[in-house]
Amino acid sequence: MAKPIITLNGLKIVIMLGMLVIILTGIRFAADIIVPFVLAIFLAVVINPLVQLMVRCRVPRCWLFRSWSA
């Protein structure tokens, strides 16, 4: 009877897939926390060129981020 051959490469692939499943599951459960941070980073990157343009046009930075609520 032939012995099953388990190669090191096959074992590495199985371990990597297991780790990927664990990481994706963790991200899915933490989505309520992660999504606001990703959105904040996205908005900061998108709005930064506009802020830099306004600073070059000598608009004070304190006016750019001032809260107008009472």
PDB file of N, CA and C in Angstrom:
ATOM      1  N   MET A   1       0.844  -1.172   0.000  1.00  0.00           N
ATOM      2  CA  MET A   1       0.000   0.000   0.000  1.00  0.00           C
ATOM      3  C   MET A   1       0.893   1.240   0.000  1.00  0.00           C
ATOM      4  N   ALA A   2       0.588   2.161  -0.874  1.00  0.00           N
ATOM      5  CA  ALA A   2       1.411   3.364  -1.013  1.00  0.00           C
ATOM      6  C   ALA A   2       1.053   4.381   0.064  1.00  0.00           C
ATOM      7  N   LYS A   3       2.106   5.015   0.585  1.00  0.00           N
ATOM      8  CA  LYS A   3       1.892   6.058   1.581  1.00  0.00           C
ATOM      9  C   LYS A   3       1.517   7.365   0.875  1.00  0.00           C
ATOM     10  N   PRO A   4       0.598   8.121   1.462  1.00  0.00           N
ATOM     11  CA  PRO A   4       0.282   9.419   0.862  1.00  0.00           C
ATOM     12  C   PRO A   4       1.475  10.368   1.020  1.00  0.00           C
ATOM     13  N   ILE A   5       1.749  11.083  -0.034  1.00  0.00           N
ATOM     14  CA  ILE A   5       2.881  12.012  -0.021  1.00  0.00           C
ATOM     15  C   ILE A   5       2.352  13.416   0.268  1.00  0.00           C
ATOM     16  N   ILE A   6       2.814  13.972   1.367  1.00  0.00           N
ATOM     17  CA  ILE A   6       2.457  15.346   1.719  1.00  0.00           C
ATOM     18  C   ILE A   6       3.700  16.192   1.504  1.00  0.00           C
ATOM     19  N   THR A   7       3.614  17.084   0.543  1.00  0.00           N
ATOM     20  CA  THR A   7       4.768  17.928   0.256  1.00  0.00           C
ATOM     21  C   THR A   7       4.714  19.182   1.115  1.00  0.00           C
ATOM     22  N   LEU A   8       5.859  19.781   1.284  1.00  0.00           N
ATOM     23  CA  LEU A   8       5.951  21.009   2.066  1.00  0.00           C
ATOM     24  C   LEU A   8       5.207  22.140   1.369  1.00  0.00           C
ATOM     25  N   ASN A   9       5.240  22.162   0.036  1.00  0.00           N
ATOM     26  CA  ASN A   9       4.526  23.203  -0.705  1.00  0.00           C
ATOM     27  C   ASN A   9       3.019  23.094  -0.501  1.00  0.00           C
ATOM     28  N   GLY A  10       2.492  21.884  -0.521  1.00  0.00           N
ATOM     29  CA  GLY A  10       1.061  21.694  -0.299  1.00  0.00           C
ATOM     30  C   GLY A  10       0.647  22.127   1.095  1.00  0.00           C
ATOM     31  N   LEU A  11       1.481  21.816   2.084  1.00  0.00           N
ATOM     32  CA  LEU A  11       1.195  22.217   3.456  1.00  0.00           C
ATOM     33  C   LEU A  11       1.220  23.736   3.591  1.00  0.00           C
ATOM     34  N   LYS A  12       2.168  24.385   2.930  1.00  0.00           N
ATOM     35  CA  LYS A  12       2.242  25.852   2.965  1.00  0.00           C
ATOM     36  C   LYS A  12       0.980  26.477   2.373  1.00  0.00           C
ATOM     37  N   ILE A  13       0.506  25.908   1.279  1.00  0.00           N
ATOM     38  CA  ILE A  13      -0.693  26.443   0.631  1.00  0.00           C
ATOM     39  C   ILE A  13      -1.904  26.309   1.548  1.00  0.00           C
ATOM     40  N   VAL A  14      -2.044  25.167   2.201  1.00  0.00           N
ATOM     41  CA  VAL A  14      -3.171  24.950   3.110  1.00  0.00           C
ATOM     42  C   VAL A  14      -3.103  25.921   4.281  1.00  0.00           C
ATOM     43  N   ILE A  15      -1.923  26.124   4.844  1.00  0.00           N
ATOM     44  CA  ILE A  15      -1.763  27.054   5.962  1.00  0.00           C
ATOM     45  C   ILE A  15      -2.074  28.480   5.522  1.00  0.00           C
ATOM     46  N   MET A  16      -1.595  28.876   4.344  1.00  0.00           N
ATOM     47  CA  MET A  16      -1.854  30.228   3.837  1.00  0.00           C
ATOM     48  C   MET A  16      -3.350  30.446   3.608  1.00  0.00           C
ATOM     49  N   LEU A  17      -4.034  29.455   3.053  1.00  0.00           N
ATOM     50  CA  LEU A  17      -5.476  29.582   2.845  1.00  0.00           C
ATOM     51  C   LEU A  17      -6.219  29.687   4.177  1.00  0.00           C
ATOM     52  N   GLY A  18      -5.784  28.925   5.158  1.00  0.00           N
ATOM     53  CA  GLY A  18      -6.389  29.011   6.488  1.00  0.00           C
ATOM     54  C   GLY A  18      -6.197  30.386   7.106  1.00  0.00           C
ATOM     55  N   MET A  19      -4.993  30.933   6.974  1.00  0.00           N
ATOM     56  CA  MET A  19      -4.736  32.274   7.506  1.00  0.00           C
ATOM     57  C   MET A  19      -5.569  33.319   6.775  1.00  0.00           C
ATOM     58  N   LEU A  20      -5.718  33.160   5.467  1.00  0.00           N
ATOM     59  CA  LEU A  20      -6.524  34.095   4.683  1.00  0.00           C
ATOM     60  C   LEU A  20      -7.982  34.071   5.134  1.00  0.00           C
ATOM     61  N   VAL A  21      -8.509  32.887   5.386  1.00  0.00           N
ATOM     62  CA  VAL A  21      -9.892  32.763   5.858  1.00  0.00           C
ATOM     63  C   VAL A  21     -10.053  33.448   7.211  1.00  0.00           C
ATOM     64  N   ILE A  22      -9.104  33.254   8.107  1.00  0.00           N
ATOM     65  CA  ILE A  22      -9.174  33.876   9.434  1.00  0.00           C
ATOM     66  C   ILE A  22      -9.114  35.392   9.323  1.00  0.00           C
ATOM     67  N   ILE A  23      -8.217  35.915   8.488  1.00  0.00           N
ATOM     68  CA  ILE A  23      -8.078  37.366   8.324  1.00  0.00           C
ATOM     69  C   ILE A  23      -9.343  37.964   7.718  1.00  0.00           C
ATOM     70  N   LEU A  24      -9.870  37.339   6.673  1.00  0.00           N
ATOM     71  CA  LEU A  24     -11.085  37.865   6.039  1.00  0.00           C
ATOM     72  C   LEU A  24     -12.285  37.809   6.979  1.00  0.00           C
ATOM     73  N   THR A  25     -12.370  36.775   7.792  1.00  0.00           N
ATOM     74  CA  THR A  25     -13.450  36.689   8.775  1.00  0.00           C
ATOM     75  C   THR A  25     -13.320  37.798   9.808  1.00  0.00           C
ATOM     76  N   GLY A  26     -12.105  38.056  10.259  1.00  0.00           N
ATOM     77  CA  GLY A  26     -11.882  39.144  11.210  1.00  0.00           C
ATOM     78  C   GLY A  26     -12.235  40.497  10.630  1.00  0.00           C
ATOM     79  N   ILE A  27     -11.882  40.721   9.377  1.00  0.00           N
ATOM     80  CA  ILE A  27     -12.223  41.988   8.724  1.00  0.00           C
ATOM     81  C   ILE A  27     -13.738  42.126   8.588  1.00  0.00           C
ATOM     82  N   ARG A  28     -14.399  41.030   8.267  1.00  0.00           N
ATOM     83  CA  ARG A  28     -15.862  41.086   8.124  1.00  0.00           C
ATOM     84  C   ARG A  28     -16.533  41.435   9.451  1.00  0.00           C
ATOM     85  N   PHE A  29     -16.064  40.849  10.542  1.00  0.00           N
ATOM     86  CA  PHE A  29     -16.658  41.144  11.845  1.00  0.00           C
ATOM     87  C   PHE A  29     -16.304  42.543  12.336  1.00  0.00           C
ATOM     88  N   ALA A  30     -15.167  43.069  11.904  1.00  0.00           N
ATOM     89  CA  ALA A  30     -14.739  44.400  12.333  1.00  0.00           C
ATOM     90  C   ALA A  30     -15.134  45.488  11.336  1.00  0.00           C
ATOM     91  N   ALA A  31     -15.976  45.174  10.372  1.00  0.00           N
ATOM     92  CA  ALA A  31     -16.327  46.133   9.318  1.00  0.00           C
ATOM     93  C   ALA A  31     -16.971  47.393   9.881  1.00  0.00           C
ATOM     94  N   ASP A  32     -17.764  47.261  10.943  1.00  0.00           N
ATOM     95  CA  ASP A  32     -18.403  48.437  11.529  1.00  0.00           C
ATOM     96  C   ASP A  32     -17.380  49.421  12.086  1.00  0.00           C
ATOM     97  N   ILE A  33     -16.223  48.931  12.447  1.00  0.00           N
ATOM     98  CA  ILE A  33     -15.169  49.796  12.971  1.00  0.00           C
ATOM     99  C   ILE A  33     -14.237  50.251  11.854  1.00  0.00           C
ATOM    100  N   ILE A  34     -13.945  49.382  10.915  1.00  0.00           N
ATOM    101  CA  ILE A  34     -12.954  49.669   9.874  1.00  0.00           C
ATOM    102  C   ILE A  34     -13.484  50.649   8.830  1.00  0.00           C
ATOM    103  N   VAL A  35     -14.744  50.529   8.436  1.00  0.00           N
ATOM    104  CA  VAL A  35     -15.291  51.347   7.348  1.00  0.00           C
ATOM    105  C   VAL A  35     -15.185  52.843   7.633  1.00  0.00           C
ATOM    106  N   PRO A  36     -15.528  53.346   8.823  1.00  0.00           N
ATOM    107  CA  PRO A  36     -15.375  54.790   9.050  1.00  0.00           C
ATOM    108  C   PRO A  36     -13.925  55.271   8.929  1.00  0.00           C
ATOM    109  N   PHE A  37     -12.966  54.468   9.379  1.00  0.00           N
ATOM    110  CA  PHE A  37     -11.565  54.863   9.257  1.00  0.00           C
ATOM    111  C   PHE A  37     -11.122  54.897   7.800  1.00  0.00           C
ATOM    112  N   VAL A  38     -11.528  53.918   7.021  1.00  0.00           N
ATOM    113  CA  VAL A  38     -11.170  53.895   5.599  1.00  0.00           C
ATOM    114  C   VAL A  38     -11.815  55.077   4.879  1.00  0.00           C
ATOM    115  N   LEU A  39     -13.057  55.393   5.213  1.00  0.00           N
ATOM    116  CA  LEU A  39     -13.733  56.543   4.617  1.00  0.00           C
ATOM    117  C   LEU A  39     -13.032  57.846   4.988  1.00  0.00           C
ATOM    118  N   ALA A  40     -12.608  57.978   6.236  1.00  0.00           N
ATOM    119  CA  ALA A  40     -11.902  59.187   6.664  1.00  0.00           C
ATOM    120  C   ALA A  40     -10.578  59.350   5.927  1.00  0.00           C
ATOM    121  N   ILE A  41      -9.849  58.274   5.761  1.00  0.00           N
ATOM    122  CA  ILE A  41      -8.577  58.336   5.027  1.00  0.00           C
ATOM    123  C   ILE A  41      -8.835  58.698   3.570  1.00  0.00           C
ATOM    124  N   PHE A  42      -9.855  58.109   2.968  1.00  0.00           N
ATOM    125  CA  PHE A  42     -10.194  58.412   1.573  1.00  0.00           C
ATOM    126  C   PHE A  42     -10.540  59.891   1.409  1.00  0.00           C
ATOM    127  N   LEU A  43     -11.385  60.422   2.292  1.00  0.00           N
ATOM    128  CA  LEU A  43     -11.755  61.833   2.193  1.00  0.00           C
ATOM    129  C   LEU A  43     -10.559  62.746   2.412  1.00  0.00           C
ATOM    130  N   ALA A  44      -9.682  62.402   3.335  1.00  0.00           N
ATOM    131  CA  ALA A  44      -8.493  63.222   3.570  1.00  0.00           C
ATOM    132  C   ALA A  44      -7.600  63.261   2.338  1.00  0.00           C
ATOM    133  N   VAL A  45      -7.442  62.140   1.679  1.00  0.00           N
ATOM    134  CA  VAL A  45      -6.599  62.088   0.476  1.00  0.00           C
ATOM    135  C   VAL A  45      -7.243  62.863  -0.670  1.00  0.00           C
ATOM    136  N   VAL A  46      -8.554  62.758  -0.817  1.00  0.00           N
ATOM    137  CA  VAL A  46      -9.245  63.426  -1.921  1.00  0.00           C
ATOM    138  C   VAL A  46      -9.296  64.940  -1.715  1.00  0.00           C
ATOM    139  N   ILE A  47      -9.521  65.393  -0.486  1.00  0.00           N
ATOM    140  CA  ILE A  47      -9.699  66.821  -0.216  1.00  0.00           C
ATOM    141  C   ILE A  47      -8.368  67.551  -0.042  1.00  0.00           C
ATOM    142  N   ASN A  48      -7.292  66.847   0.233  1.00  0.00           N
ATOM    143  CA  ASN A  48      -6.002  67.490   0.485  1.00  0.00           C
ATOM    144  C   ASN A  48      -5.543  68.418  -0.644  1.00  0.00           C
ATOM    145  N   PRO A  49      -5.654  68.061  -1.929  1.00  0.00           N
ATOM    146  CA  PRO A  49      -5.232  69.009  -2.975  1.00  0.00           C
ATOM    147  C   PRO A  49      -6.011  70.326  -2.947  1.00  0.00           C
ATOM    148  N   LEU A  50      -7.300  70.269  -2.634  1.00  0.00           N
ATOM    149  CA  LEU A  50      -8.094  71.491  -2.531  1.00  0.00           C
ATOM    150  C   LEU A  50      -7.608  72.360  -1.373  1.00  0.00           C
ATOM    151  N   VAL A  51      -7.305  71.747  -0.255  1.00  0.00           N
ATOM    152  CA  VAL A  51      -6.789  72.490   0.896  1.00  0.00           C
ATOM    153  C   VAL A  51      -5.448  73.128   0.553  1.00  0.00           C
ATOM    154  N   GLN A  52      -4.570  72.385  -0.100  1.00  0.00           N
ATOM    155  CA  GLN A  52      -3.264  72.936  -0.477  1.00  0.00           C
ATOM    156  C   GLN A  52      -3.423  74.116  -1.436  1.00  0.00           C
ATOM    157  N   LEU A  53      -4.355  74.024  -2.373  1.00  0.00           N
ATOM    158  CA  LEU A  53      -4.612  75.123  -3.304  1.00  0.00           C
ATOM    159  C   LEU A  53      -5.079  76.364  -2.558  1.00  0.00           C
ATOM    160  N   MET A  54      -5.972  76.184  -1.618  1.00  0.00           N
ATOM    161  CA  MET A  54      -6.487  77.330  -0.867  1.00  0.00           C
ATOM    162  C   MET A  54      -5.406  77.944   0.012  1.00  0.00           C
ATOM    163  N   VAL A  55      -4.525  77.139   0.562  1.00  0.00           N
ATOM    164  CA  VAL A  55      -3.417  77.667   1.363  1.00  0.00           C
ATOM    165  C   VAL A  55      -2.477  78.471   0.469  1.00  0.00           C
ATOM    166  N   ARG A  56      -2.218  77.994  -0.752  1.00  0.00           N
ATOM    167  CA  ARG A  56      -1.377  78.748  -1.689  1.00  0.00           C
ATOM    168  C   ARG A  56      -2.022  80.074  -2.084  1.00  0.00           C
ATOM    169  N   CYS A  57      -3.351  80.109  -2.082  1.00  0.00           N
ATOM    170  CA  CYS A  57      -4.068  81.356  -2.390  1.00  0.00           C
ATOM    171  C   CYS A  57      -4.242  82.214  -1.144  1.00  0.00           C
ATOM    172  N   ARG A  58      -3.499  81.908  -0.109  1.00  0.00           N
ATOM    173  CA  ARG A  58      -3.441  82.664   1.151  1.00  0.00           C
ATOM    174  C   ARG A  58      -4.747  82.669   1.937  1.00  0.00           C
ATOM    175  N   VAL A  59      -5.512  81.618   1.838  1.00  0.00           N
ATOM    176  CA  VAL A  59      -6.672  81.450   2.715  1.00  0.00           C
ATOM    177  C   VAL A  59      -6.146  80.833   4.001  1.00  0.00           C
ATOM    178  N   PRO A  60      -6.371  81.490   5.150  1.00  0.00           N
ATOM    179  CA  PRO A  60      -5.843  80.935   6.407  1.00  0.00           C
ATOM    180  C   PRO A  60      -6.428  79.544   6.692  1.00  0.00           C
ATOM    181  N   ARG A  61      -5.575  78.662   7.175  1.00  0.00           N
ATOM    182  CA  ARG A  61      -6.010  77.290   7.468  1.00  0.00           C
ATOM    183  C   ARG A  61      -7.110  77.249   8.514  1.00  0.00           C
ATOM    184  N   CYS A  62      -7.099  78.196   9.453  1.00  0.00           N
ATOM    185  CA  CYS A  62      -8.136  78.188  10.489  1.00  0.00           C
ATOM    186  C   CYS A  62      -9.518  78.440   9.884  1.00  0.00           C
ATOM    187  N   TRP A  63      -9.600  79.150   8.761  1.00  0.00           N
ATOM    188  CA  TRP A  63     -10.879  79.368   8.099  1.00  0.00           C
ATOM    189  C   TRP A  63     -11.337  78.115   7.356  1.00  0.00           C
ATOM    190  N   LEU A  64     -10.399  77.301   6.926  1.00  0.00           N
ATOM    191  CA  LEU A  64     -10.758  76.105   6.175  1.00  0.00           C
ATOM    192  C   LEU A  64     -11.430  75.053   7.051  1.00  0.00           C
ATOM    193  N   PHE A  65     -11.065  75.020   8.319  1.00  0.00           N
ATOM    194  CA  PHE A  65     -11.559  73.959   9.201  1.00  0.00           C
ATOM    195  C   PHE A  65     -12.451  74.487  10.312  1.00  0.00           C
ATOM    196  N   ARG A  66     -12.936  75.702  10.160  1.00  0.00           N
ATOM    197  CA  ARG A  66     -13.758  76.304  11.195  1.00  0.00           C
ATOM    198  C   ARG A  66     -15.153  75.683  11.190  1.00  0.00           C
ATOM    199  N   SER A  67     -15.666  75.450  12.359  1.00  0.00           N
ATOM    200  CA  SER A  67     -17.019  74.920  12.493  1.00  0.00           C
ATOM    201  C   SER A  67     -17.993  76.088  12.522  1.00  0.00           C
ATOM    202  N   TRP A  68     -18.972  76.067  11.639  1.00  0.00           N
ATOM    203  CA  TRP A  68     -19.909  77.180  11.543  1.00  0.00           C
ATOM    204  C   TRP A  68     -21.167  76.929  12.353  1.00  0.00           C
ATOM    205  N   SER A  69     -21.222  75.853  13.098  1.00  0.00           N
ATOM    206  CA  SER A  69     -22.412  75.590  13.906  1.00  0.00           C
ATOM    207  C   SER A  69     -22.412  76.486  15.136  1.00  0.00           C
ATOM    208  N   ALA A  70     -23.605  76.777  15.636  1.00  0.00           N
ATOM    209  CA  ALA A  70     -23.734  77.696  16.773  1.00  0.00           C
ATOM    210  C   ALA A  70     -23.328  77.047  18.060  1.00  0.00           C
TER     211      ALA A  70
END
